[in-house]
Amino acid sequence: MDLKITTLGGKDAGKVELSDEIFGLDPREDILQRVVRWQLA
């Protein structure tokens, strides 16, 4: 998975390759809900 990197000013800063084994997974809603509740507590 390739992602484009941009600076805070909106200019192109290149790209980075991320592993599909890690970043290509479907998010688990139950874990996201737990983390959001933990952060809001």
N, C-alpha and C. Protein backbone atom coordinates (compact mmCIF):
# COMPACT_ATOMS: atom_id res chain seq x y z
N MET A 1 0.86 -1.16 0.00
CA MET A 1 0.00 0.00 0.00
C MET A 1 0.91 1.23 0.00
N ASP A 2 0.75 2.08 -1.00
CA ASP A 2 1.53 3.32 -1.10
C ASP A 2 0.66 4.50 -0.69
N LEU A 3 1.22 5.37 0.13
CA LEU A 3 0.52 6.58 0.56
C LEU A 3 1.33 7.81 0.18
N LYS A 4 0.63 8.83 -0.27
CA LYS A 4 1.27 10.10 -0.61
C LYS A 4 1.46 10.91 0.67
N ILE A 5 2.63 11.51 0.82
CA ILE A 5 2.94 12.34 1.98
C ILE A 5 2.88 13.80 1.55
N THR A 6 2.17 14.60 2.33
CA THR A 6 2.11 16.04 2.07
C THR A 6 2.57 16.80 3.31
N THR A 7 3.12 17.97 3.09
CA THR A 7 3.55 18.81 4.20
C THR A 7 2.35 19.54 4.78
N LEU A 8 2.55 20.21 5.90
CA LEU A 8 1.48 21.00 6.49
C LEU A 8 1.06 22.15 5.59
N GLY A 9 1.96 22.55 4.71
CA GLY A 9 1.65 23.60 3.75
C GLY A 9 0.93 23.10 2.51
N GLY A 10 0.70 21.79 2.41
CA GLY A 10 -0.02 21.21 1.29
C GLY A 10 0.85 20.80 0.11
N LYS A 11 2.17 20.87 0.27
CA LYS A 11 3.06 20.50 -0.82
C LYS A 11 3.40 19.02 -0.76
N ASP A 12 3.69 18.45 -1.93
CA ASP A 12 4.04 17.03 -2.02
C ASP A 12 5.41 16.79 -1.39
N ALA A 13 5.49 15.77 -0.51
CA ALA A 13 6.75 15.45 0.15
C ALA A 13 7.20 14.02 -0.14
N GLY A 14 6.59 13.38 -1.13
CA GLY A 14 6.97 12.03 -1.49
C GLY A 14 5.88 11.03 -1.16
N LYS A 15 6.29 9.76 -1.04
CA LYS A 15 5.34 8.73 -0.66
C LYS A 15 6.04 7.66 0.16
N VAL A 16 5.24 6.88 0.87
CA VAL A 16 5.76 5.84 1.73
C VAL A 16 4.99 4.56 1.44
N GLU A 17 5.70 3.43 1.53
CA GLU A 17 5.07 2.13 1.30
C GLU A 17 4.80 1.48 2.65
N LEU A 18 3.54 1.09 2.88
CA LEU A 18 3.14 0.45 4.12
C LEU A 18 2.76 -1.00 3.84
N SER A 19 2.99 -1.86 4.82
CA SER A 19 2.69 -3.27 4.68
C SER A 19 1.18 -3.52 4.66
N ASP A 20 0.71 -4.24 3.65
CA ASP A 20 -0.71 -4.59 3.58
C ASP A 20 -1.10 -5.56 4.69
N GLU A 21 -0.14 -6.32 5.21
CA GLU A 21 -0.42 -7.26 6.30
C GLU A 21 -0.85 -6.53 7.56
N ILE A 22 -0.39 -5.30 7.75
CA ILE A 22 -0.73 -4.52 8.94
C ILE A 22 -1.80 -3.48 8.62
N PHE A 23 -1.53 -2.65 7.62
CA PHE A 23 -2.39 -1.50 7.33
C PHE A 23 -3.53 -1.83 6.37
N GLY A 24 -3.57 -3.05 5.84
CA GLY A 24 -4.64 -3.44 4.94
C GLY A 24 -5.78 -4.17 5.63
N LEU A 25 -5.70 -4.31 6.95
CA LEU A 25 -6.72 -5.03 7.69
C LEU A 25 -7.99 -4.19 7.84
N ASP A 26 -9.12 -4.87 7.94
CA ASP A 26 -10.38 -4.18 8.21
C ASP A 26 -10.41 -3.76 9.68
N PRO A 27 -10.83 -2.53 9.97
CA PRO A 27 -10.88 -2.08 11.37
C PRO A 27 -11.97 -2.82 12.14
N ARG A 28 -11.68 -3.12 13.40
CA ARG A 28 -12.65 -3.78 14.27
C ARG A 28 -13.39 -2.72 15.06
N GLU A 29 -14.70 -2.65 14.85
CA GLU A 29 -15.51 -1.61 15.49
C GLU A 29 -15.51 -1.74 17.01
N ASP A 30 -15.46 -2.97 17.53
CA ASP A 30 -15.49 -3.14 18.98
C ASP A 30 -14.25 -2.56 19.64
N ILE A 31 -13.10 -2.72 19.00
CA ILE A 31 -11.86 -2.17 19.56
C ILE A 31 -11.86 -0.65 19.44
N LEU A 32 -12.32 -0.12 18.30
CA LEU A 32 -12.39 1.33 18.14
C LEU A 32 -13.31 1.95 19.18
N GLN A 33 -14.43 1.31 19.46
CA GLN A 33 -15.36 1.83 20.46
C GLN A 33 -14.72 1.85 21.84
N ARG A 34 -13.99 0.79 22.19
CA ARG A 34 -13.32 0.74 23.50
C ARG A 34 -12.29 1.85 23.63
N VAL A 35 -11.51 2.09 22.58
CA VAL A 35 -10.47 3.12 22.63
C VAL A 35 -11.08 4.51 22.73
N VAL A 36 -12.15 4.76 21.99
CA VAL A 36 -12.81 6.07 22.06
C VAL A 36 -13.37 6.31 23.45
N ARG A 37 -14.03 5.31 24.02
CA ARG A 37 -14.56 5.46 25.38
C ARG A 37 -13.45 5.69 26.39
N TRP A 38 -12.33 4.98 26.22
CA TRP A 38 -11.19 5.14 27.13
C TRP A 38 -10.62 6.56 27.04
N GLN A 39 -10.50 7.09 25.82
CA GLN A 39 -9.96 8.43 25.63
C GLN A 39 -10.90 9.50 26.18
N LEU A 40 -12.20 9.27 26.10
CA LEU A 40 -13.17 10.26 26.57
C LEU A 40 -13.37 10.21 28.08
N ALA A 41 -12.91 9.14 28.72
CA ALA A 41 -13.11 9.00 30.17
C ALA A 41 -12.21 9.94 30.95
